[in-house]
Amino acid sequence: ETAAIFDLIGLYDHVTEGSATQEEQVLNRLLIAI
């Protein structure tokens, strides 16, 4: 679970940097919720 949450955090860094695709932005929101 620790590894999975930091996997999400790596994606979140891309989203906040503005380098994520639309699909990655949706996936980011979904993973945050679950």
Full PDB file with SEQRES, HELIX, SHEET, SSBOND, CRYST1, ORIGX, SCALE, CONECT and MASTER records, all heavy atoms in Angstrom:
SEQRES   1 A   34  GLU THR ALA ALA ILE PHE ASP LEU ILE GLY LEU TYR ASP          
SEQRES   2 A   34  HIS VAL THR GLU GLY SER ALA THR GLN GLU GLU GLN VAL          
SEQRES   3 A   34  LEU ASN ARG LEU LEU ILE ALA ILE                              
HELIX    1 AA1 THR A    2  GLU A   17  1                                  16    
HELIX    2 AA2 GLN A   22  ALA A   33  1                                  12    
CRYST1    1.000    1.000    1.000  90.00  90.00  90.00 P 1           1          
ORIGX1      1.000000  0.000000  0.000000        0.00000                         
ORIGX2      0.000000  1.000000  0.000000        0.00000                         
ORIGX3      0.000000  0.000000  1.000000        0.00000                         
SCALE1      1.000000  0.000000  0.000000        0.00000                         
SCALE2      0.000000  1.000000  0.000000        0.00000                         
SCALE3      0.000000  0.000000  1.000000        0.00000                         
ATOM      1  N   GLU A   1       0.842  -1.194   0.000  1.00  0.00           N  
ATOM      2  CA  GLU A   1       0.000   0.000   0.000  1.00  0.00           C  
ATOM      3  C   GLU A   1       0.880   1.247   0.000  1.00  0.00           C  
ATOM      4  O   GLU A   1       0.558   2.238  -0.669  1.00  0.00           O  
ATOM      5  CB  GLU A   1      -0.921   0.006   1.212  1.00  0.00           C  
ATOM      6  CG  GLU A   1      -1.987   1.099   1.126  1.00  0.00           C  
ATOM      7  CD  GLU A   1      -3.269   0.695   1.809  1.00  0.00           C  
ATOM      8  OE1 GLU A   1      -4.044  -0.108   1.234  1.00  0.00           O  
ATOM      9  OE2 GLU A   1      -3.501   1.172   2.928  1.00  0.00           O  
ATOM     10  N   THR A   2       1.989   1.194   0.711  1.00  0.00           N  
ATOM     11  CA  THR A   2       2.937   2.310   0.683  1.00  0.00           C  
ATOM     12  C   THR A   2       3.481   2.509  -0.724  1.00  0.00           C  
ATOM     13  O   THR A   2       3.517   3.641  -1.240  1.00  0.00           O  
ATOM     14  CB  THR A   2       4.089   2.050   1.664  1.00  0.00           C  
ATOM     15  OG1 THR A   2       3.566   1.967   2.993  1.00  0.00           O  
ATOM     16  CG2 THR A   2       5.123   3.173   1.608  1.00  0.00           C  
ATOM     17  N   ALA A   3       3.901   1.423  -1.361  1.00  0.00           N  
ATOM     18  CA  ALA A   3       4.427   1.514  -2.731  1.00  0.00           C  
ATOM     19  C   ALA A   3       3.371   2.046  -3.689  1.00  0.00           C  
ATOM     20  O   ALA A   3       3.664   2.860  -4.576  1.00  0.00           O  
ATOM     21  CB  ALA A   3       4.929   0.144  -3.186  1.00  0.00           C  
ATOM     22  N   ALA A   4       2.126   1.605  -3.522  1.00  0.00           N  
ATOM     23  CA  ALA A   4       1.045   2.034  -4.411  1.00  0.00           C  
ATOM     24  C   ALA A   4       0.746   3.523  -4.241  1.00  0.00           C  
ATOM     25  O   ALA A   4       0.522   4.241  -5.228  1.00  0.00           O  
ATOM     26  CB  ALA A   4      -0.210   1.207  -4.142  1.00  0.00           C  
ATOM     27  N   ILE A   5       0.740   3.998  -3.009  1.00  0.00           N  
ATOM     28  CA  ILE A   5       0.447   5.415  -2.774  1.00  0.00           C  
ATOM     29  C   ILE A   5       1.562   6.291  -3.320  1.00  0.00           C  
ATOM     30  O   ILE A   5       1.303   7.359  -3.893  1.00  0.00           O  
ATOM     31  CB  ILE A   5       0.175   5.650  -1.278  1.00  0.00           C  
ATOM     32  CG1 ILE A   5      -1.204   5.095  -0.931  1.00  0.00           C  
ATOM     33  CG2 ILE A   5       0.269   7.131  -0.921  1.00  0.00           C  
ATOM     34  CD1 ILE A   5      -1.537   5.063   0.540  1.00  0.00           C  
ATOM     35  N   PHE A   6       2.811   5.868  -3.195  1.00  0.00           N  
ATOM     36  CA  PHE A   6       3.893   6.658  -3.787  1.00  0.00           C  
ATOM     37  C   PHE A   6       3.919   6.532  -5.307  1.00  0.00           C  
ATOM     38  O   PHE A   6       4.421   7.426  -6.000  1.00  0.00           O  
ATOM     39  CB  PHE A   6       5.232   6.289  -3.160  1.00  0.00           C  
ATOM     40  CG  PHE A   6       5.520   7.061  -1.905  1.00  0.00           C  
ATOM     41  CD1 PHE A   6       5.199   6.538  -0.657  1.00  0.00           C  
ATOM     42  CD2 PHE A   6       6.067   8.330  -1.966  1.00  0.00           C  
ATOM     43  CE1 PHE A   6       5.432   7.258   0.505  1.00  0.00           C  
ATOM     44  CE2 PHE A   6       6.309   9.067  -0.817  1.00  0.00           C  
ATOM     45  CZ  PHE A   6       5.985   8.524   0.429  1.00  0.00           C  
ATOM     46  N   ASP A   7       3.379   5.464  -5.845  1.00  0.00           N  
ATOM     47  CA  ASP A   7       3.163   5.361  -7.292  1.00  0.00           C  
ATOM     48  C   ASP A   7       2.200   6.464  -7.732  1.00  0.00           C  
ATOM     49  O   ASP A   7       2.434   7.174  -8.725  1.00  0.00           O  
ATOM     50  CB  ASP A   7       2.606   3.974  -7.617  1.00  0.00           C  
ATOM     51  CG  ASP A   7       2.568   3.676  -9.114  1.00  0.00           C  
ATOM     52  OD1 ASP A   7       1.753   4.306  -9.813  1.00  0.00           O  
ATOM     53  OD2 ASP A   7       3.341   2.823  -9.578  1.00  0.00           O  
ATOM     54  N   LEU A   8       1.117   6.625  -6.983  1.00  0.00           N  
ATOM     55  CA  LEU A   8       0.168   7.710  -7.233  1.00  0.00           C  
ATOM     56  C   LEU A   8       0.838   9.069  -7.084  1.00  0.00           C  
ATOM     57  O   LEU A   8       0.613   9.972  -7.905  1.00  0.00           O  
ATOM     58  CB  LEU A   8      -1.008   7.596  -6.259  1.00  0.00           C  
ATOM     59  CG  LEU A   8      -1.843   8.863  -6.027  1.00  0.00           C  
ATOM     60  CD1 LEU A   8      -2.546   9.302  -7.302  1.00  0.00           C  
ATOM     61  CD2 LEU A   8      -2.846   8.647  -4.896  1.00  0.00           C  
ATOM     62  N   ILE A   9       1.662   9.236  -6.062  1.00  0.00           N  
ATOM     63  CA  ILE A   9       2.307  10.531  -5.828  1.00  0.00           C  
ATOM     64  C   ILE A   9       3.224  10.905  -6.989  1.00  0.00           C  
ATOM     65  O   ILE A   9       3.291  12.081  -7.382  1.00  0.00           O  
ATOM     66  CB  ILE A   9       3.074  10.507  -4.493  1.00  0.00           C  
ATOM     67  CG1 ILE A   9       2.086  10.405  -3.322  1.00  0.00           C  
ATOM     68  CG2 ILE A   9       3.937  11.755  -4.334  1.00  0.00           C  
ATOM     69  CD1 ILE A   9       2.728  10.056  -1.992  1.00  0.00           C  
ATOM     70  N   GLY A  10       3.910   9.924  -7.564  1.00  0.00           N  
ATOM     71  CA  GLY A  10       4.715  10.192  -8.751  1.00  0.00           C  
ATOM     72  C   GLY A  10       3.870  10.716  -9.891  1.00  0.00           C  
ATOM     73  O   GLY A  10       4.257  11.659 -10.603  1.00  0.00           O  
ATOM     74  N   LEU A  11       2.680  10.125 -10.066  1.00  0.00           N  
ATOM     75  CA  LEU A  11       1.747  10.607 -11.085  1.00  0.00           C  
ATOM     76  C   LEU A  11       1.261  12.006 -10.740  1.00  0.00           C  
ATOM     77  O   LEU A  11       1.163  12.877 -11.621  1.00  0.00           O  
ATOM     78  CB  LEU A  11       0.560   9.637 -11.194  1.00  0.00           C  
ATOM     79  CG  LEU A  11      -0.599  10.063 -12.093  1.00  0.00           C  
ATOM     80  CD1 LEU A  11      -0.135  10.257 -13.547  1.00  0.00           C  
ATOM     81  CD2 LEU A  11      -1.732   9.030 -12.019  1.00  0.00           C  
ATOM     82  N   TYR A  12       0.987  12.253  -9.465  1.00  0.00           N  
ATOM     83  CA  TYR A  12       0.499  13.569  -9.036  1.00  0.00           C  
ATOM     84  C   TYR A  12       1.528  14.658  -9.332  1.00  0.00           C  
ATOM     85  O   TYR A  12       1.164  15.782  -9.719  1.00  0.00           O  
ATOM     86  CB  TYR A  12       0.166  13.534  -7.551  1.00  0.00           C  
ATOM     87  CG  TYR A  12      -0.445  14.812  -7.027  1.00  0.00           C  
ATOM     88  CD1 TYR A  12      -1.753  15.150  -7.333  1.00  0.00           C  
ATOM     89  CD2 TYR A  12       0.290  15.675  -6.225  1.00  0.00           C  
ATOM     90  CE1 TYR A  12      -2.317  16.326  -6.860  1.00  0.00           C  
ATOM     91  CE2 TYR A  12      -0.263  16.848  -5.742  1.00  0.00           C  
ATOM     92  CZ  TYR A  12      -1.571  17.173  -6.065  1.00  0.00           C  
ATOM     93  OH  TYR A  12      -2.126  18.344  -5.595  1.00  0.00           O  
ATOM     94  N   ASP A  13       2.802  14.342  -9.164  1.00  0.00           N  
ATOM     95  CA  ASP A  13       3.835  15.316  -9.519  1.00  0.00           C  
ATOM     96  C   ASP A  13       3.730  15.718 -10.983  1.00  0.00           C  
ATOM     97  O   ASP A  13       3.850  16.890 -11.336  1.00  0.00           O  
ATOM     98  CB  ASP A  13       5.230  14.747  -9.221  1.00  0.00           C  
ATOM     99  CG  ASP A  13       5.791  15.198  -7.882  1.00  0.00           C  
ATOM    100  OD1 ASP A  13       5.579  16.367  -7.515  1.00  0.00           O  
ATOM    101  OD2 ASP A  13       6.425  14.385  -7.190  1.00  0.00           O  
ATOM    102  N   HIS A  14       3.497  14.740 -11.861  1.00  0.00           N  
ATOM    103  CA  HIS A  14       3.347  15.046 -13.291  1.00  0.00           C  
ATOM    104  C   HIS A  14       2.107  15.907 -13.543  1.00  0.00           C  
ATOM    105  O   HIS A  14       2.134  16.833 -14.356  1.00  0.00           O  
ATOM    106  CB  HIS A  14       3.263  13.759 -14.103  1.00  0.00           C  
ATOM    107  CG  HIS A  14       4.547  12.997 -14.198  1.00  0.00           C  
ATOM    108  ND1 HIS A  14       5.705  13.557 -14.703  1.00  0.00           N  
ATOM    109  CD2 HIS A  14       4.860  11.731 -13.843  1.00  0.00           C  
ATOM    110  CE1 HIS A  14       6.678  12.667 -14.659  1.00  0.00           C  
ATOM    111  NE2 HIS A  14       6.195  11.556 -14.142  1.00  0.00           N  
ATOM    112  N   VAL A  15       1.021  15.582 -12.845  1.00  0.00           N  
ATOM    113  CA  VAL A  15      -0.219  16.343 -13.024  1.00  0.00           C  
ATOM    114  C   VAL A  15      -0.027  17.793 -12.600  1.00  0.00           C  
ATOM    115  O   VAL A  15      -0.409  18.731 -13.313  1.00  0.00           O  
ATOM    116  CB  VAL A  15      -1.372  15.688 -12.238  1.00  0.00           C  
ATOM    117  CG1 VAL A  15      -2.600  16.599 -12.222  1.00  0.00           C  
ATOM    118  CG2 VAL A  15      -1.732  14.338 -12.837  1.00  0.00           C  
ATOM    119  N   THR A  16       0.588  18.016 -11.438  1.00  0.00           N  
ATOM    120  CA  THR A  16       0.754  19.388 -10.942  1.00  0.00           C  
ATOM    121  C   THR A  16       1.795  20.163 -11.732  1.00  0.00           C  
ATOM    122  O   THR A  16       1.760  21.396 -11.766  1.00  0.00           O  
ATOM    123  CB  THR A  16       1.131  19.384  -9.447  1.00  0.00           C  
ATOM    124  OG1 THR A  16       2.298  18.580  -9.258  1.00  0.00           O  
ATOM    125  CG2 THR A  16      -0.008  18.837  -8.613  1.00  0.00           C  
ATOM    126  N   GLU A  17       2.702  19.450 -12.374  1.00  0.00           N  
ATOM    127  CA  GLU A  17       3.683  20.110 -13.245  1.00  0.00           C  
ATOM    128  C   GLU A  17       3.088  20.479 -14.600  1.00  0.00           C  
ATOM    129  O   GLU A  17       3.705  21.208 -15.376  1.00  0.00           O  
ATOM    130  CB  GLU A  17       4.885  19.190 -13.467  1.00  0.00           C  
ATOM    131  CG  GLU A  17       5.742  18.972 -12.225  1.00  0.00           C  
ATOM    132  CD  GLU A  17       6.679  17.799 -12.376  1.00  0.00           C  
ATOM    133  OE1 GLU A  17       6.643  17.133 -13.451  1.00  0.00           O  
ATOM    134  OE2 GLU A  17       7.440  17.520 -11.445  1.00  0.00           O  
ATOM    135  N   GLY A  18       1.897  19.944 -14.903  1.00  0.00           N  
ATOM    136  CA  GLY A  18       1.249  20.231 -16.175  1.00  0.00           C  
ATOM    137  C   GLY A  18       1.694  19.348 -17.315  1.00  0.00           C  
ATOM    138  O   GLY A  18       1.396  19.641 -18.482  1.00  0.00           O  
ATOM    139  N   SER A  19       2.384  18.239 -17.006  1.00  0.00           N  
ATOM    140  CA  SER A  19       2.901  17.363 -18.071  1.00  0.00           C  
ATOM    141  C   SER A  19       2.080  16.095 -18.266  1.00  0.00           C  
ATOM    142  O   SER A  19       2.453  15.227 -19.052  1.00  0.00           O  
ATOM    143  CB  SER A  19       4.353  16.973 -17.754  1.00  0.00           C  
ATOM    144  OG  SER A  19       4.449  16.307 -16.502  1.00  0.00           O  
ATOM    145  N   ALA A  20       0.941  15.973 -17.568  1.00  0.00           N  
ATOM    146  CA  ALA A  20       0.128  14.762 -17.661  1.00  0.00           C  
ATOM    147  C   ALA A  20      -0.884  14.861 -18.793  1.00  0.00           C  
ATOM    148  O   ALA A  20      -1.378  15.945 -19.119  1.00  0.00           O  
ATOM    149  CB  ALA A  20      -0.600  14.524 -16.337  1.00  0.00           C  
ATOM    150  N   THR A  21      -1.198  13.717 -19.382  1.00  0.00           N  
ATOM    151  CA  THR A  21      -2.242  13.656 -20.408  1.00  0.00           C  
ATOM    152  C   THR A  21      -3.614  13.763 -19.741  1.00  0.00           C  
ATOM    153  O   THR A  21      -3.746  13.667 -18.520  1.00  0.00           O  
ATOM    154  CB  THR A  21      -2.171  12.336 -21.187  1.00  0.00           C  
ATOM    155  OG1 THR A  21      -2.477  11.247 -20.281  1.00  0.00           O  
ATOM    156  CG2 THR A  21      -0.789  12.120 -21.787  1.00  0.00           C  
ATOM    157  N   GLN A  22      -4.643  13.916 -20.558  1.00  0.00           N  
ATOM    158  CA  GLN A  22      -5.999  13.981 -20.024  1.00  0.00           C  
ATOM    159  C   GLN A  22      -6.352  12.687 -19.293  1.00  0.00           C  
ATOM    160  O   GLN A  22      -6.959  12.703 -18.219  1.00  0.00           O  
ATOM    161  CB  GLN A  22      -7.007  14.233 -21.157  1.00  0.00           C  
ATOM    162  CG  GLN A  22      -8.445  14.346 -20.699  1.00  0.00           C  
ATOM    163  CD  GLN A  22      -8.681  15.542 -19.789  1.00  0.00           C  
ATOM    164  OE1 GLN A  22      -8.095  16.593 -19.977  1.00  0.00           O  
ATOM    165  NE2 GLN A  22      -9.554  15.382 -18.804  1.00  0.00           N  
ATOM    166  N   GLU A  23      -5.955  11.552 -19.885  1.00  0.00           N  
ATOM    167  CA  GLU A  23      -6.234  10.261 -19.261  1.00  0.00           C  
ATOM    168  C   GLU A  23      -5.508  10.137 -17.930  1.00  0.00           C  
ATOM    169  O   GLU A  23      -6.061   9.609 -16.955  1.00  0.00           O  
ATOM    170  CB  GLU A  23      -5.834   9.112 -20.195  1.00  0.00           C  
ATOM    171  CG  GLU A  23      -6.719   8.928 -21.406  1.00  0.00           C  
ATOM    172  CD  GLU A  23      -6.458   9.972 -22.480  1.00  0.00           C  
ATOM    173  OE1 GLU A  23      -5.397  10.662 -22.416  1.00  0.00           O  
ATOM    174  OE2 GLU A  23      -7.304  10.112 -23.384  1.00  0.00           O  
ATOM    175  N   GLU A  24      -4.280  10.616 -17.860  1.00  0.00           N  
ATOM    176  CA  GLU A  24      -3.530  10.555 -16.608  1.00  0.00           C  
ATOM    177  C   GLU A  24      -4.161  11.447 -15.537  1.00  0.00           C  
ATOM    178  O   GLU A  24      -4.149  11.098 -14.350  1.00  0.00           O  
ATOM    179  CB  GLU A  24      -2.080  10.963 -16.848  1.00  0.00           C  
ATOM    180  CG  GLU A  24      -1.262   9.910 -17.590  1.00  0.00           C  
ATOM    181  CD  GLU A  24       0.122  10.394 -17.949  1.00  0.00           C  
ATOM    182  OE1 GLU A  24       0.285  11.613 -18.213  1.00  0.00           O  
ATOM    183  OE2 GLU A  24       1.051   9.561 -17.976  1.00  0.00           O  
ATOM    184  N   GLN A  25      -4.719  12.570 -15.940  1.00  0.00           N  
ATOM    185  CA  GLN A  25      -5.392  13.440 -14.978  1.00  0.00           C  
ATOM    186  C   GLN A  25      -6.624  12.763 -14.394  1.00  0.00           C  
ATOM    187  O   GLN A  25      -6.900  12.865 -13.190  1.00  0.00           O  
ATOM    188  CB  GLN A  25      -5.774  14.755 -15.654  1.00  0.00           C  
ATOM    189  CG  GLN A  25      -4.584  15.608 -16.071  1.00  0.00           C  
ATOM    190  CD  GLN A  25      -4.994  16.852 -16.823  1.00  0.00           C  
ATOM    191  OE1 GLN A  25      -5.922  17.554 -16.430  1.00  0.00           O  
ATOM    192  NE2 GLN A  25      -4.308  17.149 -17.912  1.00  0.00           N  
ATOM    193  N   VAL A  26      -7.357  12.053 -15.233  1.00  0.00           N  
ATOM    194  CA  VAL A  26      -8.536  11.326 -14.750  1.00  0.00           C  
ATOM    195  C   VAL A  26      -8.100  10.182 -13.832  1.00  0.00           C  
ATOM    196  O   VAL A  26      -8.674   9.972 -12.755  1.00  0.00           O  
ATOM    197  CB  VAL A  26      -9.366  10.776 -15.926  1.00  0.00           C  
ATOM    198  CG1 VAL A  26     -10.504   9.882 -15.419  1.00  0.00           C  
ATOM    199  CG2 VAL A  26      -9.909  11.918 -16.775  1.00  0.00           C  
ATOM    200  N   LEU A  27      -7.079   9.446 -14.260  1.00  0.00           N  
ATOM    201  CA  LEU A  27      -6.565   8.343 -13.449  1.00  0.00           C  
ATOM    202  C   LEU A  27      -6.079   8.853 -12.091  1.00  0.00           C  
ATOM    203  O   LEU A  27      -6.298   8.210 -11.051  1.00  0.00           O  
ATOM    204  CB  LEU A  27      -5.427   7.633 -14.184  1.00  0.00           C  
ATOM    205  CG  LEU A  27      -4.796   6.440 -13.464  1.00  0.00           C  
ATOM    206  CD1 LEU A  27      -5.803   5.302 -13.321  1.00  0.00           C  
ATOM    207  CD2 LEU A  27      -3.547   5.962 -14.210  1.00  0.00           C  
ATOM    208  N   ASN A  28      -5.446  10.003 -12.079  1.00  0.00           N  
ATOM    209  CA  ASN A  28      -4.965  10.616 -10.845  1.00  0.00           C  
ATOM    210  C   ASN A  28      -6.118  10.852  -9.879  1.00  0.00           C  
ATOM    211  O   ASN A  28      -6.045  10.483  -8.694  1.00  0.00           O  
ATOM    212  CB  ASN A  28      -4.262  11.927 -11.184  1.00  0.00           C  
ATOM    213  CG  ASN A  28      -3.864  12.731  -9.968  1.00  0.00           C  
ATOM    214  OD1 ASN A  28      -2.983  12.364  -9.209  1.00  0.00           O  
ATOM    215  ND2 ASN A  28      -4.533  13.871  -9.770  1.00  0.00           N  
ATOM    216  N   ARG A  29      -7.193  11.452 -10.356  1.00  0.00           N  
ATOM    217  CA  ARG A  29      -8.351  11.715  -9.493  1.00  0.00           C  
ATOM    218  C   ARG A  29      -8.957  10.416  -8.980  1.00  0.00           C  
ATOM    219  O   ARG A  29      -9.338  10.310  -7.802  1.00  0.00           O  
ATOM    220  CB  ARG A  29      -9.413  12.513 -10.255  1.00  0.00           C  
ATOM    221  CG  ARG A  29      -9.088  13.981 -10.464  1.00  0.00           C  
ATOM    222  CD  ARG A  29     -10.192  14.691 -11.227  1.00  0.00           C  
ATOM    223  NE  ARG A  29     -11.491  14.588 -10.554  1.00  0.00           N  
ATOM    224  CZ  ARG A  29     -12.626  15.061 -11.083  1.00  0.00           C  
ATOM    225  NH1 ARG A  29     -12.617  15.655 -12.275  1.00  0.00           N  
ATOM    226  NH2 ARG A  29     -13.761  14.945 -10.422  1.00  0.00           N  
ATOM    227  N   LEU A  30      -9.022   9.424  -9.831  1.00  0.00           N  
ATOM    228  CA  LEU A  30      -9.601   8.144  -9.444  1.00  0.00           C  
ATOM    229  C   LEU A  30      -8.755   7.452  -8.373  1.00  0.00           C  
ATOM    230  O   LEU A  30      -9.282   6.978  -7.355  1.00  0.00           O  
ATOM    231  CB  LEU A  30      -9.727   7.244 -10.672  1.00  0.00           C  
ATOM    232  CG  LEU A  30     -10.259   5.832 -10.421  1.00  0.00           C  
ATOM    233  CD1 LEU A  30     -11.707   5.886  -9.973  1.00  0.00           C  
ATOM    234  CD2 LEU A  30     -10.111   4.964 -11.662  1.00  0.00           C  
ATOM    235  N   LEU A  31      -7.446   7.397  -8.586  1.00  0.00           N  
ATOM    236  CA  LEU A  31      -6.568   6.737  -7.631  1.00  0.00           C  
ATOM    237  C   LEU A  31      -6.567   7.452  -6.288  1.00  0.00           C  
ATOM    238  O   LEU A  31      -6.487   6.817  -5.229  1.00  0.00           O  
ATOM    239  CB  LEU A  31      -5.145   6.648  -8.189  1.00  0.00           C  
ATOM    240  CG  LEU A  31      -4.942   5.702  -9.367  1.00  0.00           C  
ATOM    241  CD1 LEU A  31      -3.504   5.780  -9.877  1.00  0.00           C  
ATOM    242  CD2 LEU A  31      -5.289   4.256  -8.995  1.00  0.00           C  
ATOM    243  N   ILE A  32      -6.654   8.777  -6.306  1.00  0.00           N  
ATOM    244  CA  ILE A  32      -6.717   9.529  -5.050  1.00  0.00           C  
ATOM    245  C   ILE A  32      -7.934   9.082  -4.242  1.00  0.00           C  
ATOM    246  O   ILE A  32      -7.836   8.818  -3.035  1.00  0.00           O  
ATOM    247  CB  ILE A  32      -6.774  11.045  -5.315  1.00  0.00           C  
ATOM    248  CG1 ILE A  32      -5.412  11.553  -5.805  1.00  0.00           C  
ATOM    249  CG2 ILE A  32      -7.196  11.798  -4.052  1.00  0.00           C  
ATOM    250  CD1 ILE A  32      -5.420  12.995  -6.265  1.00  0.00           C  
ATOM    251  N   ALA A  33      -9.074   8.955  -4.918  1.00  0.00           N  
ATOM    252  CA  ALA A  33     -10.304   8.578  -4.216  1.00  0.00           C  
ATOM    253  C   ALA A  33     -10.224   7.162  -3.649  1.00  0.00           C  
ATOM    254  O   ALA A  33     -10.536   6.927  -2.476  1.00  0.00           O  
ATOM    255  CB  ALA A  33     -11.501   8.710  -5.153  1.00  0.00           C  
ATOM    256  N   ILE A  34      -9.803   6.207  -4.465  1.00  0.00           N  
ATOM    257  CA  ILE A  34      -9.844   4.812  -4.002  1.00  0.00           C  
ATOM    258  C   ILE A  34      -8.745   4.514  -2.978  1.00  0.00           C  
ATOM    259  O   ILE A  34      -8.963   3.738  -2.040  1.00  0.00           O  
ATOM    260  CB  ILE A  34      -9.793   3.813  -5.179  1.00  0.00           C  
ATOM    261  CG1 ILE A  34      -8.490   3.888  -5.945  1.00  0.00           C  
ATOM    262  CG2 ILE A  34     -10.993   4.015  -6.102  1.00  0.00           C  
ATOM    263  CD1 ILE A  34      -8.371   2.844  -7.063  1.00  0.00           C  
TER     264      ILE A  34                                                      
MASTER        0    0    0    2    0    0    0    6  263    1    0    3          
END                                                                             
